[in-house]
Amino acid sequence: MNPSVVEFLDKTRGEIQRVHEEEARRKQQEKEDLLISLGLFTADKEYLSIDPVAARRMGLTDFDMVDGVAKYYRMTGKKAVDVTDEEYAEILKVVEEKKRLTTDGAPEPESAAKPAATPVPAAAAPSAPEPCEYEARPAQSSTSRAATFLNALAIILWISGVIVSILTARVPQIDYRGNVETKFQFSTFLASLVLYGAAGAFALCMAELMQNVQNISDFLSHLKITPRK
């Protein structure tokens, strides 16, 4: 056979083989993605030592109670379960059927078309309140404007406190010869510095309090209450 023909055939067969392999990998990936989306997978729980606020910021809502403490976790290493071709075909069949019923609407049962009349009781006893579950939807905490203002105020107080303390500590004095001499009063400097430092620390504490109030408000605004089944 002509060497050019042999080279052409080998090259073409190699390209065809690569296309088949790529197609097989694509179908396998689609299969694994579908199984994982349907919950047919195995995974490991990675527990994190974080508080509920940090877990909410990370979007974590699943936790286990360990010794009375909520241990938040995330699923890692998701791997689709092994299924046969027949099992996968059945999975595709029920998924398509569910999608069709969801899109077109399931037929109404005959019993639901004509509900039987039921006698209305004269006086129904009040039922106990249904237990509820609380679920916090993950949301990014917003920054409190008051906290931002107080943080800036604390920094301004500390910087201005150092400057004012230095200026007020420089006291002009007249000696016995009548000469004016500027002396540095350390006690005056320290008293002024402590005063401004305490004011800045108080502003910083109030800023932290305002931010915590904002975090609690954000948490409550995204709290979802659902009846327990």
Protein backbone atom coordinates (compact mmCIF):
# COMPACT_ATOMS: atom_id res chain seq x y z
CA MET A 1 0.00 0.00 0.00
CA ASN A 2 1.15 3.50 -0.73
CA PRO A 3 2.90 4.99 2.33
CA SER A 4 0.93 8.23 1.99
CA VAL A 5 -2.32 6.29 2.08
CA VAL A 6 -1.16 4.34 5.14
CA GLU A 7 -0.23 7.58 6.91
CA PHE A 8 -3.57 9.14 6.02
CA LEU A 9 -5.53 6.12 7.27
CA ASP A 10 -3.58 5.94 10.53
CA LYS A 11 -4.05 9.65 11.16
CA THR A 12 -7.77 9.54 10.37
CA ARG A 13 -8.33 6.44 12.52
CA GLY A 14 -6.52 8.18 15.40
CA GLU A 15 -8.71 11.27 15.07
CA ILE A 16 -11.84 9.12 15.00
CA GLN A 17 -10.65 7.24 18.08
CA ARG A 18 -10.04 10.48 19.94
CA VAL A 19 -13.51 11.76 19.03
CA HIS A 20 -15.06 8.52 20.35
CA GLU A 21 -13.06 8.77 23.58
CA GLU A 22 -14.02 12.40 24.08
CA GLU A 23 -17.68 11.57 23.47
CA ALA A 24 -17.48 8.71 25.97
CA ARG A 25 -15.91 11.00 28.58
CA ARG A 26 -18.58 13.63 27.99
CA LYS A 27 -21.40 11.13 28.39
CA GLN A 28 -19.80 9.71 31.54
CA GLN A 29 -19.49 13.21 33.00
CA GLU A 30 -23.13 13.97 32.18
CA LYS A 31 -24.13 10.70 33.81
CA GLU A 32 -22.18 11.47 37.00
CA ASP A 33 -23.52 15.04 37.15
CA LEU A 34 -27.10 13.79 36.82
CA LEU A 35 -26.68 11.14 39.52
CA ILE A 36 -25.13 13.68 41.90
CA SER A 37 -27.93 16.20 41.22
CA LEU A 38 -30.47 13.47 42.08
CA GLY A 39 -28.70 12.75 45.37
CA LEU A 40 -27.26 9.43 44.21
CA PHE A 41 -23.73 9.98 45.46
CA THR A 42 -21.40 9.24 48.31
CA ALA A 43 -19.54 11.99 50.16
CA ASP A 44 -17.63 12.72 53.33
CA LYS A 45 -18.66 15.16 56.05
CA GLU A 46 -16.04 17.79 56.82
CA TYR A 47 -16.81 19.28 60.24
CA LEU A 48 -15.84 22.91 60.83
CA SER A 49 -15.22 24.54 64.20
CA ILE A 50 -17.27 27.68 63.56
CA ASP A 51 -20.16 29.46 65.26
CA PRO A 52 -23.64 29.85 63.71
CA VAL A 53 -22.95 33.38 62.50
CA ALA A 54 -19.80 32.32 60.63
CA ALA A 55 -21.64 29.27 59.25
CA ARG A 56 -24.41 31.53 57.94
CA ARG A 57 -21.88 33.78 56.25
CA MET A 58 -20.34 30.71 54.56
CA GLY A 59 -23.77 29.47 53.43
CA LEU A 60 -23.72 26.36 55.66
CA THR A 61 -27.04 25.18 57.09
CA ASP A 62 -26.38 21.47 57.81
CA PHE A 63 -25.12 20.47 61.24
CA ASP A 64 -25.02 17.55 63.69
CA MET A 65 -25.49 17.84 67.43
CA VAL A 66 -22.37 16.54 69.18
CA ASP A 67 -22.37 16.69 72.99
CA GLY A 68 -25.07 19.35 72.85
CA VAL A 69 -23.08 21.53 70.45
CA ALA A 70 -24.03 22.16 66.80
CA LYS A 71 -21.18 20.99 64.57
CA TYR A 72 -21.58 22.49 61.10
CA TYR A 73 -20.26 20.49 58.17
CA ARG A 74 -19.96 20.52 54.41
CA MET A 75 -20.02 17.59 52.04
CA THR A 76 -16.72 16.98 50.27
CA GLY A 77 -15.52 14.43 47.77
CA LYS A 78 -18.88 13.82 46.10
CA LYS A 79 -18.78 10.71 43.93
CA ALA A 80 -21.69 9.32 41.94
CA VAL A 81 -22.79 5.82 42.87
CA ASP A 82 -22.03 3.01 40.44
CA VAL A 83 -25.06 1.98 38.39
CA THR A 84 -25.50 -0.45 35.54
CA ASP A 85 -26.68 0.58 32.09
CA GLU A 86 -30.11 -0.90 32.83
CA GLU A 87 -30.38 1.03 36.11
CA TYR A 88 -29.28 4.26 34.44
CA ALA A 89 -31.86 3.73 31.69
CA GLU A 90 -34.58 3.36 34.35
CA ILE A 91 -33.35 6.51 36.11
CA LEU A 92 -33.54 8.47 32.85
CA LYS A 93 -37.01 7.11 32.25
CA VAL A 94 -38.45 8.20 35.60
CA VAL A 95 -36.68 11.58 35.39
CA GLU A 96 -38.21 12.26 31.98
CA GLU A 97 -41.62 11.11 33.23
CA LYS A 98 -41.38 13.42 36.25
CA LYS A 99 -40.32 16.31 34.06
CA ARG A 100 -43.24 15.69 31.70
CA LEU A 101 -45.74 15.58 34.56
CA THR A 102 -44.27 18.74 36.07
CA THR A 103 -44.47 20.55 32.73
CA ASP A 104 -47.86 19.33 31.53
CA GLY A 105 -49.50 18.88 34.92
CA ALA A 106 -50.50 15.58 36.45
CA PRO A 107 -54.06 14.37 35.72
CA GLU A 108 -56.48 15.10 38.50
CA PRO A 109 -57.61 11.94 40.35
CA GLU A 110 -61.22 10.98 39.87
CA SER A 111 -61.82 11.04 43.60
CA ALA A 112 -60.56 14.63 43.78
CA ALA A 113 -62.90 15.77 40.99
CA LYS A 114 -66.02 15.21 43.10
CA PRO A 115 -65.17 15.43 46.78
CA ALA A 116 -67.58 13.78 49.11
CA ALA A 117 -69.61 16.06 51.32
CA THR A 118 -68.58 15.86 54.95
CA PRO A 119 -70.66 17.09 57.87
CA VAL A 120 -69.42 20.25 59.51
CA PRO A 121 -68.99 19.82 63.27
CA ALA A 122 -70.99 22.16 65.45
CA ALA A 123 -67.98 23.36 67.38
CA ALA A 124 -64.44 22.27 66.65
CA ALA A 125 -62.07 22.08 69.58
CA PRO A 126 -59.00 24.28 69.18
CA SER A 127 -56.01 22.25 68.09
CA ALA A 128 -52.55 22.54 69.55
CA PRO A 129 -50.14 24.75 67.61
CA GLU A 130 -48.19 22.85 65.01
CA PRO A 131 -44.47 22.46 65.79
CA CYS A 132 -42.30 24.57 63.52
CA GLU A 133 -38.75 24.44 62.33
CA TYR A 134 -36.60 27.49 61.84
CA GLU A 135 -34.23 27.75 58.93
CA ALA A 136 -31.93 30.70 58.29
CA ARG A 137 -31.31 31.33 54.63
CA PRO A 138 -27.66 32.22 53.97
CA ALA A 139 -27.14 35.89 53.35
CA GLN A 140 -24.24 38.29 53.42
CA SER A 141 -24.26 40.49 56.53
CA SER A 142 -24.49 44.19 55.80
CA THR A 143 -22.29 46.83 57.40
CA SER A 144 -23.90 49.14 59.93
CA ARG A 145 -23.56 52.82 59.06
CA ALA A 146 -23.50 53.71 62.74
CA ALA A 147 -20.67 51.24 63.31
CA THR A 148 -18.69 52.73 60.41
CA PHE A 149 -19.16 56.25 61.80
CA LEU A 150 -18.14 55.21 65.32
CA ASN A 151 -15.05 53.39 64.04
CA ALA A 152 -13.97 56.52 62.18
CA LEU A 153 -14.73 58.63 65.28
CA ALA A 154 -12.55 56.38 67.45
CA ILE A 155 -9.60 56.75 65.08
CA ILE A 156 -10.06 60.54 64.94
CA LEU A 157 -10.21 60.73 68.74
CA TRP A 158 -7.02 58.70 69.15
CA ILE A 159 -5.06 60.71 66.57
CA SER A 160 -6.31 64.08 67.78
CA GLY A 161 -5.74 62.97 71.39
CA VAL A 162 -2.04 62.45 70.77
CA ILE A 163 -1.71 65.84 69.06
CA VAL A 164 -3.75 67.75 71.66
CA SER A 165 -1.94 66.02 74.54
CA ILE A 166 1.43 67.07 73.16
CA LEU A 167 0.29 70.67 72.66
CA THR A 168 -1.34 71.02 76.07
CA ALA A 169 1.67 69.47 77.82
CA ARG A 170 3.96 72.22 76.47
CA VAL A 171 3.48 74.86 79.18
CA PRO A 172 5.36 78.20 78.98
CA GLN A 173 6.98 79.27 82.26
CA ILE A 174 8.85 82.41 83.31
CA ASP A 175 12.04 81.89 85.28
CA TYR A 176 13.43 84.27 87.91
CA ARG A 177 15.28 86.18 85.22
CA GLY A 178 12.09 86.93 83.33
CA ASN A 179 12.84 84.57 80.46
CA VAL A 180 9.98 82.52 79.00
CA GLU A 181 10.79 78.84 78.85
CA THR A 182 8.54 76.10 77.51
CA LYS A 183 8.50 72.93 79.61
CA PHE A 184 6.86 69.59 78.92
CA GLN A 185 4.42 68.58 81.66
CA PHE A 186 4.27 64.78 81.49
CA SER A 187 1.39 64.55 83.96
CA THR A 188 -0.72 66.87 81.79
CA PHE A 189 0.22 64.89 78.68
CA LEU A 190 -0.69 61.57 80.32
CA ALA A 191 -4.02 62.82 81.69
CA SER A 192 -5.08 64.21 78.32
CA LEU A 193 -3.92 61.09 76.50
CA VAL A 194 -5.86 58.82 78.86
CA LEU A 195 -8.99 60.93 78.42
CA TYR A 196 -8.89 60.82 74.62
CA GLY A 197 -7.92 57.13 74.64
CA ALA A 198 -10.90 56.25 76.83
CA ALA A 199 -13.23 58.24 74.59
CA GLY A 200 -11.90 56.44 71.50
CA ALA A 201 -12.21 53.03 73.20
CA PHE A 202 -15.82 53.81 74.16
CA ALA A 203 -16.62 54.79 70.56
CA LEU A 204 -15.02 51.54 69.33
CA CYS A 205 -17.09 49.45 71.78
CA MET A 206 -20.26 51.19 70.63
CA ALA A 207 -19.30 50.49 67.00
CA GLU A 208 -18.94 46.78 67.78
CA LEU A 209 -22.32 46.83 69.53
CA MET A 210 -23.99 48.52 66.53
CA GLN A 211 -22.48 45.93 64.16
CA ASN A 212 -23.71 43.04 66.33
CA VAL A 213 -27.20 44.56 66.33
CA GLN A 214 -27.03 44.80 62.53
CA ASN A 215 -25.91 41.15 62.28
CA ILE A 216 -28.82 40.03 64.46
CA SER A 217 -31.24 42.08 62.37
CA ASP A 218 -29.92 40.51 59.15
CA PHE A 219 -30.19 37.03 60.66
CA LEU A 220 -33.81 37.56 61.76
CA SER A 221 -34.78 39.07 58.41
CA HIS A 222 -33.67 35.88 56.62
CA LEU A 223 -35.23 33.50 59.16
CA LYS A 224 -37.68 31.09 57.55
CA ILE A 225 -40.31 29.31 59.66
CA THR A 226 -41.77 26.10 58.26
CA PRO A 227 -44.14 23.56 59.88
CA ARG A 228 -42.42 20.42 61.06
CA LYS A 229 -43.52 17.35 59.16
